[in-house]
ModelCIF file with pLDDT and N, C-alpha, C, O atoms, coordinates in Angstrom:
data_MODEL
#
_entry.id   MODEL 
#
_entity.id                         1 
_entity.type                       polymer 
_entity.pdbx_number_of_molecules   1 
#
_entity_poly.entity_id                      1 
_entity_poly.type                           'polypeptide(L)' 
_entity_poly.nstd_linkage                   no 
_entity_poly.nstd_monomer                   no 
_entity_poly.pdbx_seq_one_letter_code       EDFLLAAQGLGHPYNPDFNGVRQNGVGIMQHTYGLWNR 
_entity_poly.pdbx_seq_one_letter_code_can   EDFLLAAQGLGHPYNPDFNGVRQNGVGIMQHTYGLWNR 
_entity_poly.pdbx_strand_id                 A 
#
loop_
_entity_poly_seq.entity_id 
_entity_poly_seq.num 
_entity_poly_seq.mon_id 
_entity_poly_seq.hetero 
1 1  GLU n 
1 2  ASP n 
1 3  PHE n 
1 4  LEU n 
1 5  LEU n 
1 6  ALA n 
1 7  ALA n 
1 8  GLN n 
1 9  GLY n 
1 10 LEU n 
1 11 GLY n 
1 12 HIS n 
1 13 PRO n 
1 14 TYR n 
1 15 ASN n 
1 16 PRO n 
1 17 ASP n 
1 18 PHE n 
1 19 ASN n 
1 20 GLY n 
1 21 VAL n 
1 22 ARG n 
1 23 GLN n 
1 24 ASN n 
1 25 GLY n 
1 26 VAL n 
1 27 GLY n 
1 28 ILE n 
1 29 MET n 
1 30 GLN n 
1 31 HIS n 
1 32 THR n 
1 33 TYR n 
1 34 GLY n 
1 35 LEU n 
1 36 TRP n 
1 37 ASN n 
1 38 ARG n 
#
_struct_asym.id          A 
_struct_asym.entity_id   1 
#
loop_
_ma_qa_metric.id 
_ma_qa_metric.mode 
_ma_qa_metric.name 
_ma_qa_metric.software_group_id 
_ma_qa_metric.type 
1 global pLDDT . pLDDT 
2 local  pLDDT . pLDDT 
#
_ma_qa_metric_global.metric_id      1 
_ma_qa_metric_global.metric_value   95.74 
_ma_qa_metric_global.model_id       1 
_ma_qa_metric_global.ordinal_id     1 
#
loop_
_ma_qa_metric_local.label_asym_id 
_ma_qa_metric_local.label_comp_id 
_ma_qa_metric_local.label_seq_id 
_ma_qa_metric_local.metric_id 
_ma_qa_metric_local.metric_value 
_ma_qa_metric_local.model_id 
_ma_qa_metric_local.ordinal_id 
A GLU 1  2 98.00 1 1  
A ASP 2  2 98.00 1 2  
A PHE 3  2 98.00 1 3  
A LEU 4  2 98.00 1 4  
A LEU 5  2 98.00 1 5  
A ALA 6  2 98.00 1 6  
A ALA 7  2 98.00 1 7  
A GLN 8  2 98.00 1 8  
A GLY 9  2 98.00 1 9  
A LEU 10 2 98.00 1 10 
A GLY 11 2 98.00 1 11 
A HIS 12 2 98.00 1 12 
A PRO 13 2 98.00 1 13 
A TYR 14 2 98.00 1 14 
A ASN 15 2 98.00 1 15 
A PRO 16 2 98.00 1 16 
A ASP 17 2 98.00 1 17 
A PHE 18 2 98.00 1 18 
A ASN 19 2 98.00 1 19 
A GLY 20 2 97.00 1 20 
A VAL 21 2 96.00 1 21 
A ARG 22 2 97.00 1 22 
A GLN 23 2 98.00 1 23 
A ASN 24 2 98.00 1 24 
A GLY 25 2 98.00 1 25 
A VAL 26 2 98.00 1 26 
A GLY 27 2 98.00 1 27 
A ILE 28 2 98.00 1 28 
A MET 29 2 98.00 1 29 
A GLN 30 2 98.00 1 30 
A HIS 31 2 97.00 1 31 
A THR 32 2 97.00 1 32 
A TYR 33 2 94.00 1 33 
A GLY 34 2 90.00 1 34 
A LEU 35 2 85.00 1 35 
A TRP 36 2 81.00 1 36 
A ASN 37 2 78.00 1 37 
A ARG 38 2 80.00 1 38 
#
loop_
_atom_site.group_PDB 
_atom_site.id 
_atom_site.type_symbol 
_atom_site.label_atom_id 
_atom_site.label_alt_id 
_atom_site.label_comp_id 
_atom_site.label_asym_id 
_atom_site.label_entity_id 
_atom_site.label_seq_id 
_atom_site.pdbx_PDB_ins_code 
_atom_site.Cartn_x 
_atom_site.Cartn_y 
_atom_site.Cartn_z 
_atom_site.occupancy 
_atom_site.B_iso_or_equiv 
_atom_site.pdbx_formal_charge 
_atom_site.auth_seq_id 
_atom_site.auth_comp_id 
_atom_site.auth_asym_id 
_atom_site.auth_atom_id 
_atom_site.pdbx_PDB_model_num 
ATOM 1   N N  . GLU A 1 1  ? -1.664  -3.995 -9.669  1.00 98.00 ? 1  GLU A N  1 
ATOM 2   C CA . GLU A 1 1  ? -2.804  -3.096 -9.857  1.00 98.00 ? 1  GLU A CA 1 
ATOM 3   C C  . GLU A 1 1  ? -4.124  -3.865 -9.745  1.00 98.00 ? 1  GLU A C  1 
ATOM 4   O O  . GLU A 1 1  ? -5.083  -3.383 -9.142  1.00 98.00 ? 1  GLU A O  1 
ATOM 5   N N  . ASP A 1 2  ? -4.163  -5.064 -10.333 1.00 98.00 ? 2  ASP A N  1 
ATOM 6   C CA . ASP A 1 2  ? -5.373  -5.889 -10.236 1.00 98.00 ? 2  ASP A CA 1 
ATOM 7   C C  . ASP A 1 2  ? -5.664  -6.260 -8.781  1.00 98.00 ? 2  ASP A C  1 
ATOM 8   O O  . ASP A 1 2  ? -6.820  -6.272 -8.357  1.00 98.00 ? 2  ASP A O  1 
ATOM 9   N N  . PHE A 1 3  ? -4.622  -6.558 -8.032  1.00 98.00 ? 3  PHE A N  1 
ATOM 10  C CA . PHE A 1 3  ? -4.776  -6.918 -6.627  1.00 98.00 ? 3  PHE A CA 1 
ATOM 11  C C  . PHE A 1 3  ? -5.370  -5.763 -5.831  1.00 98.00 ? 3  PHE A C  1 
ATOM 12  O O  . PHE A 1 3  ? -6.275  -5.968 -5.022  1.00 98.00 ? 3  PHE A O  1 
ATOM 13  N N  . LEU A 1 4  ? -4.869  -4.555 -6.054  1.00 98.00 ? 4  LEU A N  1 
ATOM 14  C CA . LEU A 1 4  ? -5.387  -3.383 -5.343  1.00 98.00 ? 4  LEU A CA 1 
ATOM 15  C C  . LEU A 1 4  ? -6.878  -3.195 -5.613  1.00 98.00 ? 4  LEU A C  1 
ATOM 16  O O  . LEU A 1 4  ? -7.642  -2.872 -4.703  1.00 98.00 ? 4  LEU A O  1 
ATOM 17  N N  . LEU A 1 5  ? -7.283  -3.395 -6.849  1.00 98.00 ? 5  LEU A N  1 
ATOM 18  C CA . LEU A 1 5  ? -8.686  -3.195 -7.221  1.00 98.00 ? 5  LEU A CA 1 
ATOM 19  C C  . LEU A 1 5  ? -9.571  -4.328 -6.709  1.00 98.00 ? 5  LEU A C  1 
ATOM 20  O O  . LEU A 1 5  ? -10.683 -4.088 -6.239  1.00 98.00 ? 5  LEU A O  1 
ATOM 21  N N  . ALA A 1 6  ? -9.076  -5.565 -6.800  1.00 98.00 ? 6  ALA A N  1 
ATOM 22  C CA . ALA A 1 6  ? -9.873  -6.709 -6.342  1.00 98.00 ? 6  ALA A CA 1 
ATOM 23  C C  . ALA A 1 6  ? -10.122 -6.637 -4.836  1.00 98.00 ? 6  ALA A C  1 
ATOM 24  O O  . ALA A 1 6  ? -11.229 -6.906 -4.371  1.00 98.00 ? 6  ALA A O  1 
ATOM 25  N N  . ALA A 1 7  ? -9.094  -6.274 -4.085  1.00 98.00 ? 7  ALA A N  1 
ATOM 26  C CA . ALA A 1 7  ? -9.255  -6.172 -2.631  1.00 98.00 ? 7  ALA A CA 1 
ATOM 27  C C  . ALA A 1 7  ? -10.268 -5.093 -2.267  1.00 98.00 ? 7  ALA A C  1 
ATOM 28  O O  . ALA A 1 7  ? -11.072 -5.270 -1.352  1.00 98.00 ? 7  ALA A O  1 
ATOM 29  N N  . GLN A 1 8  ? -10.226 -3.970 -2.989  1.00 98.00 ? 8  GLN A N  1 
ATOM 30  C CA . GLN A 1 8  ? -11.222 -2.928 -2.744  1.00 98.00 ? 8  GLN A CA 1 
ATOM 31  C C  . GLN A 1 8  ? -12.610 -3.406 -3.142  1.00 98.00 ? 8  GLN A C  1 
ATOM 32  O O  . GLN A 1 8  ? -13.607 -3.024 -2.528  1.00 98.00 ? 8  GLN A O  1 
ATOM 33  N N  . GLY A 1 9  ? -12.670 -4.247 -4.178  1.00 98.00 ? 9  GLY A N  1 
ATOM 34  C CA . GLY A 1 9  ? -13.943 -4.822 -4.585  1.00 98.00 ? 9  GLY A CA 1 
ATOM 35  C C  . GLY A 1 9  ? -14.572 -5.695 -3.517  1.00 98.00 ? 9  GLY A C  1 
ATOM 36  O O  . GLY A 1 9  ? -15.792 -5.855 -3.474  1.00 98.00 ? 9  GLY A O  1 
ATOM 37  N N  . LEU A 1 10 ? -13.731 -6.264 -2.646  1.00 98.00 ? 10 LEU A N  1 
ATOM 38  C CA . LEU A 1 10 ? -14.224 -7.072 -1.533  1.00 98.00 ? 10 LEU A CA 1 
ATOM 39  C C  . LEU A 1 10 ? -14.510 -6.225 -0.288  1.00 98.00 ? 10 LEU A C  1 
ATOM 40  O O  . LEU A 1 10 ? -14.885 -6.759 0.756   1.00 98.00 ? 10 LEU A O  1 
ATOM 41  N N  . GLY A 1 11 ? -14.332 -4.910 -0.402  1.00 98.00 ? 11 GLY A N  1 
ATOM 42  C CA . GLY A 1 11 ? -14.677 -4.028 0.703   1.00 98.00 ? 11 GLY A CA 1 
ATOM 43  C C  . GLY A 1 11 ? -13.522 -3.554 1.552   1.00 98.00 ? 11 GLY A C  1 
ATOM 44  O O  . GLY A 1 11 ? -13.736 -2.879 2.559   1.00 98.00 ? 11 GLY A O  1 
ATOM 45  N N  . HIS A 1 12 ? -12.303 -3.890 1.171   1.00 98.00 ? 12 HIS A N  1 
ATOM 46  C CA . HIS A 1 12 ? -11.149 -3.441 1.950   1.00 98.00 ? 12 HIS A CA 1 
ATOM 47  C C  . HIS A 1 12 ? -10.734 -2.043 1.490   1.00 98.00 ? 12 HIS A C  1 
ATOM 48  O O  . HIS A 1 12 ? -10.636 -1.809 0.286   1.00 98.00 ? 12 HIS A O  1 
ATOM 49  N N  . PRO A 1 13 ? -10.487 -1.113 2.407   1.00 98.00 ? 13 PRO A N  1 
ATOM 50  C CA . PRO A 1 13 ? -10.136 0.252  2.011   1.00 98.00 ? 13 PRO A CA 1 
ATOM 51  C C  . PRO A 1 13 ? -8.714  0.340  1.466   1.00 98.00 ? 13 PRO A C  1 
ATOM 52  O O  . PRO A 1 13 ? -7.845  -0.454 1.824   1.00 98.00 ? 13 PRO A O  1 
ATOM 53  N N  . TYR A 1 14 ? -8.500  1.308  0.607   1.00 98.00 ? 14 TYR A N  1 
ATOM 54  C CA . TYR A 1 14 ? -7.139  1.577  0.132   1.00 98.00 ? 14 TYR A CA 1 
ATOM 55  C C  . TYR A 1 14 ? -6.387  2.316  1.232   1.00 98.00 ? 14 TYR A C  1 
ATOM 56  O O  . TYR A 1 14 ? -6.910  3.257  1.829   1.00 98.00 ? 14 TYR A O  1 
ATOM 57  N N  . ASN A 1 15 ? -5.157  1.882  1.493   1.00 98.00 ? 15 ASN A N  1 
ATOM 58  C CA . ASN A 1 15 ? -4.339  2.487  2.542   1.00 98.00 ? 15 ASN A CA 1 
ATOM 59  C C  . ASN A 1 15 ? -3.030  2.987  1.932   1.00 98.00 ? 15 ASN A C  1 
ATOM 60  O O  . ASN A 1 15 ? -2.218  2.178  1.484   1.00 98.00 ? 15 ASN A O  1 
ATOM 61  N N  . PRO A 1 16 ? -2.809  4.299  1.904   1.00 98.00 ? 16 PRO A N  1 
ATOM 62  C CA . PRO A 1 16 ? -1.588  4.830  1.304   1.00 98.00 ? 16 PRO A CA 1 
ATOM 63  C C  . PRO A 1 16 ? -0.347  4.683  2.184   1.00 98.00 ? 16 PRO A C  1 
ATOM 64  O O  . PRO A 1 16 ? 0.774   4.850  1.705   1.00 98.00 ? 16 PRO A O  1 
ATOM 65  N N  . ASP A 1 17 ? -0.543  4.366  3.486   1.00 98.00 ? 17 ASP A N  1 
ATOM 66  C CA . ASP A 1 17 ? 0.609   4.297  4.398   1.00 98.00 ? 17 ASP A CA 1 
ATOM 67  C C  . ASP A 1 17 ? 0.314   3.315  5.528   1.00 98.00 ? 17 ASP A C  1 
ATOM 68  O O  . ASP A 1 17 ? -0.419  3.632  6.464   1.00 98.00 ? 17 ASP A O  1 
ATOM 69  N N  . PHE A 1 18 ? 0.892   2.124  5.428   1.00 98.00 ? 18 PHE A N  1 
ATOM 70  C CA . PHE A 1 18 ? 0.690   1.105  6.458   1.00 98.00 ? 18 PHE A CA 1 
ATOM 71  C C  . PHE A 1 18 ? 1.370   1.471  7.778   1.00 98.00 ? 18 PHE A C  1 
ATOM 72  O O  . PHE A 1 18 ? 1.076   0.867  8.809   1.00 98.00 ? 18 PHE A O  1 
ATOM 73  N N  . ASN A 1 19 ? 2.267   2.446  7.758   1.00 98.00 ? 19 ASN A N  1 
ATOM 74  C CA . ASN A 1 19 ? 2.974   2.881  8.961   1.00 98.00 ? 19 ASN A CA 1 
ATOM 75  C C  . ASN A 1 19 ? 2.437   4.197  9.491   1.00 98.00 ? 19 ASN A C  1 
ATOM 76  O O  . ASN A 1 19 ? 3.105   4.881  10.267  1.00 98.00 ? 19 ASN A O  1 
ATOM 77  N N  . GLY A 1 20 ? 1.246   4.548  9.078   1.00 97.00 ? 20 GLY A N  1 
ATOM 78  C CA . GLY A 1 20 ? 0.663   5.822  9.469   1.00 97.00 ? 20 GLY A CA 1 
ATOM 79  C C  . GLY A 1 20 ? -0.480  5.678  10.458  1.00 97.00 ? 20 GLY A C  1 
ATOM 80  O O  . GLY A 1 20 ? -0.339  5.028  11.494  1.00 97.00 ? 20 GLY A O  1 
ATOM 81  N N  . VAL A 1 21 ? -1.615  6.291  10.132  1.00 96.00 ? 21 VAL A N  1 
ATOM 82  C CA . VAL A 1 21 ? -2.764  6.351  11.041  1.00 96.00 ? 21 VAL A CA 1 
ATOM 83  C C  . VAL A 1 21 ? -3.291  4.958  11.352  1.00 96.00 ? 21 VAL A C  1 
ATOM 84  O O  . VAL A 1 21 ? -3.606  4.654  12.503  1.00 96.00 ? 21 VAL A O  1 
ATOM 85  N N  . ARG A 1 22 ? -3.388  4.120  10.345  1.00 97.00 ? 22 ARG A N  1 
ATOM 86  C CA . ARG A 1 22 ? -3.934  2.783  10.534  1.00 97.00 ? 22 ARG A CA 1 
ATOM 87  C C  . ARG A 1 22 ? -3.193  1.800  9.644   1.00 97.00 ? 22 ARG A C  1 
ATOM 88  O O  . ARG A 1 22 ? -2.580  2.179  8.646   1.00 97.00 ? 22 ARG A O  1 
ATOM 89  N N  . GLN A 1 23 ? -3.261  0.538  10.021  1.00 98.00 ? 23 GLN A N  1 
ATOM 90  C CA . GLN A 1 23 ? -2.587  -0.483 9.222   1.00 98.00 ? 23 GLN A CA 1 
ATOM 91  C C  . GLN A 1 23 ? -3.546  -1.201 8.282   1.00 98.00 ? 23 GLN A C  1 
ATOM 92  O O  . GLN A 1 23 ? -3.145  -1.624 7.198   1.00 98.00 ? 23 GLN A O  1 
ATOM 93  N N  . ASN A 1 24 ? -4.814  -1.345 8.684   1.00 98.00 ? 24 ASN A N  1 
ATOM 94  C CA . ASN A 1 24 ? -5.713  -2.177 7.898   1.00 98.00 ? 24 ASN A CA 1 
ATOM 95  C C  . ASN A 1 24 ? -5.994  -1.566 6.531   1.00 98.00 ? 24 ASN A C  1 
ATOM 96  O O  . ASN A 1 24 ? -6.038  -0.347 6.367   1.00 98.00 ? 24 ASN A O  1 
ATOM 97  N N  . GLY A 1 25 ? -6.184  -2.452 5.554   1.00 98.00 ? 25 GLY A N  1 
ATOM 98  C CA . GLY A 1 25 ? -6.454  -2.029 4.191   1.00 98.00 ? 25 GLY A CA 1 
ATOM 99  C C  . GLY A 1 25 ? -5.454  -2.598 3.218   1.00 98.00 ? 25 GLY A C  1 
ATOM 100 O O  . GLY A 1 25 ? -4.550  -3.342 3.599   1.00 98.00 ? 25 GLY A O  1 
ATOM 101 N N  . VAL A 1 26 ? -5.621  -2.241 1.948   1.00 98.00 ? 26 VAL A N  1 
ATOM 102 C CA . VAL A 1 26 ? -4.748  -2.712 0.877   1.00 98.00 ? 26 VAL A CA 1 
ATOM 103 C C  . VAL A 1 26 ? -3.957  -1.540 0.324   1.00 98.00 ? 26 VAL A C  1 
ATOM 104 O O  . VAL A 1 26 ? -4.470  -0.424 0.236   1.00 98.00 ? 26 VAL A O  1 
ATOM 105 N N  . GLY A 1 27 ? -2.710  -1.791 -0.050  1.00 98.00 ? 27 GLY A N  1 
ATOM 106 C CA . GLY A 1 27 ? -1.902  -0.710 -0.582  1.00 98.00 ? 27 GLY A CA 1 
ATOM 107 C C  . GLY A 1 27 ? -0.522  -1.158 -0.999  1.00 98.00 ? 27 GLY A C  1 
ATOM 108 O O  . GLY A 1 27 ? -0.184  -2.340 -0.928  1.00 98.00 ? 27 GLY A O  1 
ATOM 109 N N  . ILE A 1 28 ? 0.263   -0.202 -1.431  1.00 98.00 ? 28 ILE A N  1 
ATOM 110 C CA . ILE A 1 28 ? 1.643   -0.434 -1.847  1.00 98.00 ? 28 ILE A CA 1 
ATOM 111 C C  . ILE A 1 28 ? 2.545   -0.380 -0.614  1.00 98.00 ? 28 ILE A C  1 
ATOM 112 O O  . ILE A 1 28 ? 2.422   0.521  0.215   1.00 98.00 ? 28 ILE A O  1 
ATOM 113 N N  . MET A 1 29 ? 3.442   -1.342 -0.503  1.00 98.00 ? 29 MET A N  1 
ATOM 114 C CA . MET A 1 29 ? 4.368   -1.365 0.627   1.00 98.00 ? 29 MET A CA 1 
ATOM 115 C C  . MET A 1 29 ? 5.578   -0.477 0.345   1.00 98.00 ? 29 MET A C  1 
ATOM 116 O O  . MET A 1 29 ? 6.095   -0.454 -0.772  1.00 98.00 ? 29 MET A O  1 
ATOM 117 N N  . GLN A 1 30 ? 6.018   0.243  1.356   1.00 98.00 ? 30 GLN A N  1 
ATOM 118 C CA . GLN A 1 30 ? 7.274   0.965  1.233   1.00 98.00 ? 30 GLN A CA 1 
ATOM 119 C C  . GLN A 1 30 ? 8.432   0.001  1.501   1.00 98.00 ? 30 GLN A C  1 
ATOM 120 O O  . GLN A 1 30 ? 8.276   -1.012 2.183   1.00 98.00 ? 30 GLN A O  1 
ATOM 121 N N  . HIS A 1 31 ? 9.593   0.345  0.948   1.00 97.00 ? 31 HIS A N  1 
ATOM 122 C CA . HIS A 1 31 ? 10.764  -0.522 1.033   1.00 97.00 ? 31 HIS A CA 1 
ATOM 123 C C  . HIS A 1 31 ? 11.990  0.272  1.442   1.00 97.00 ? 31 HIS A C  1 
ATOM 124 O O  . HIS A 1 31 ? 12.039  1.491  1.279   1.00 97.00 ? 31 HIS A O  1 
ATOM 125 N N  . THR A 1 32 ? 12.983  -0.433 1.975   1.00 97.00 ? 32 THR A N  1 
ATOM 126 C CA . THR A 1 32 ? 14.230  0.228  2.363   1.00 97.00 ? 32 THR A CA 1 
ATOM 127 C C  . THR A 1 32 ? 15.178  0.273  1.173   1.00 97.00 ? 32 THR A C  1 
ATOM 128 O O  . THR A 1 32 ? 16.229  -0.368 1.165   1.00 97.00 ? 32 THR A O  1 
ATOM 129 N N  . TYR A 1 33 ? 14.784  1.042  0.177   1.00 94.00 ? 33 TYR A N  1 
ATOM 130 C CA . TYR A 1 33 ? 15.718  1.403  -0.884  1.00 94.00 ? 33 TYR A CA 1 
ATOM 131 C C  . TYR A 1 33 ? 15.406  2.806  -1.355  1.00 94.00 ? 33 TYR A C  1 
ATOM 132 O O  . TYR A 1 33 ? 14.311  3.328  -1.145  1.00 94.00 ? 33 TYR A O  1 
ATOM 133 N N  . GLY A 1 34 ? 16.391  3.399  -1.994  1.00 90.00 ? 34 GLY A N  1 
ATOM 134 C CA . GLY A 1 34 ? 16.250  4.770  -2.459  1.00 90.00 ? 34 GLY A CA 1 
ATOM 135 C C  . GLY A 1 34 ? 17.441  5.126  -3.319  1.00 90.00 ? 34 GLY A C  1 
ATOM 136 O O  . GLY A 1 34 ? 18.224  4.257  -3.700  1.00 90.00 ? 34 GLY A O  1 
ATOM 137 N N  . LEU A 1 35 ? 17.577  6.384  -3.619  1.00 85.00 ? 35 LEU A N  1 
ATOM 138 C CA . LEU A 1 35 ? 18.634  6.824  -4.528  1.00 85.00 ? 35 LEU A CA 1 
ATOM 139 C C  . LEU A 1 35 ? 20.001  6.793  -3.844  1.00 85.00 ? 35 LEU A C  1 
ATOM 140 O O  . LEU A 1 35 ? 20.215  7.462  -2.833  1.00 85.00 ? 35 LEU A O  1 
ATOM 141 N N  . TRP A 1 36 ? 20.912  6.019  -4.402  1.00 81.00 ? 36 TRP A N  1 
ATOM 142 C CA . TRP A 1 36 ? 22.319  5.969  -4.003  1.00 81.00 ? 36 TRP A CA 1 
ATOM 143 C C  . TRP A 1 36 ? 23.129  6.089  -5.295  1.00 81.00 ? 36 TRP A C  1 
ATOM 144 O O  . TRP A 1 36 ? 23.021  5.242  -6.182  1.00 81.00 ? 36 TRP A O  1 
ATOM 145 N N  . ASN A 1 37 ? 23.927  7.129  -5.394  1.00 78.00 ? 37 ASN A N  1 
ATOM 146 C CA . ASN A 1 37 ? 24.721  7.332  -6.618  1.00 78.00 ? 37 ASN A CA 1 
ATOM 147 C C  . ASN A 1 37 ? 23.842  7.294  -7.867  1.00 78.00 ? 37 ASN A C  1 
ATOM 148 O O  . ASN A 1 37 ? 24.171  6.647  -8.861  1.00 78.00 ? 37 ASN A O  1 
ATOM 149 N N  . ARG A 1 38 ? 22.732  7.996  -7.789  1.00 80.00 ? 38 ARG A N  1 
ATOM 150 C CA . ARG A 1 38 ? 21.815  8.209  -8.907  1.00 80.00 ? 38 ARG A CA 1 
ATOM 151 C C  . ARG A 1 38 ? 20.947  7.006  -9.257  1.00 80.00 ? 38 ARG A C  1 
ATOM 152 O O  . ARG A 1 38 ? 20.139  7.076  -10.183 1.00 80.00 ? 38 ARG A O  1 
#
């Protein structure tokens, strides 16, 4: 959380999806895991 805020403090935009419209910016990375057997 501190990293997300510090990067925005330096002028980098928040990016909700690095695999979407644009890659540049700071954000949470998606991962190849999900619900398997609950």
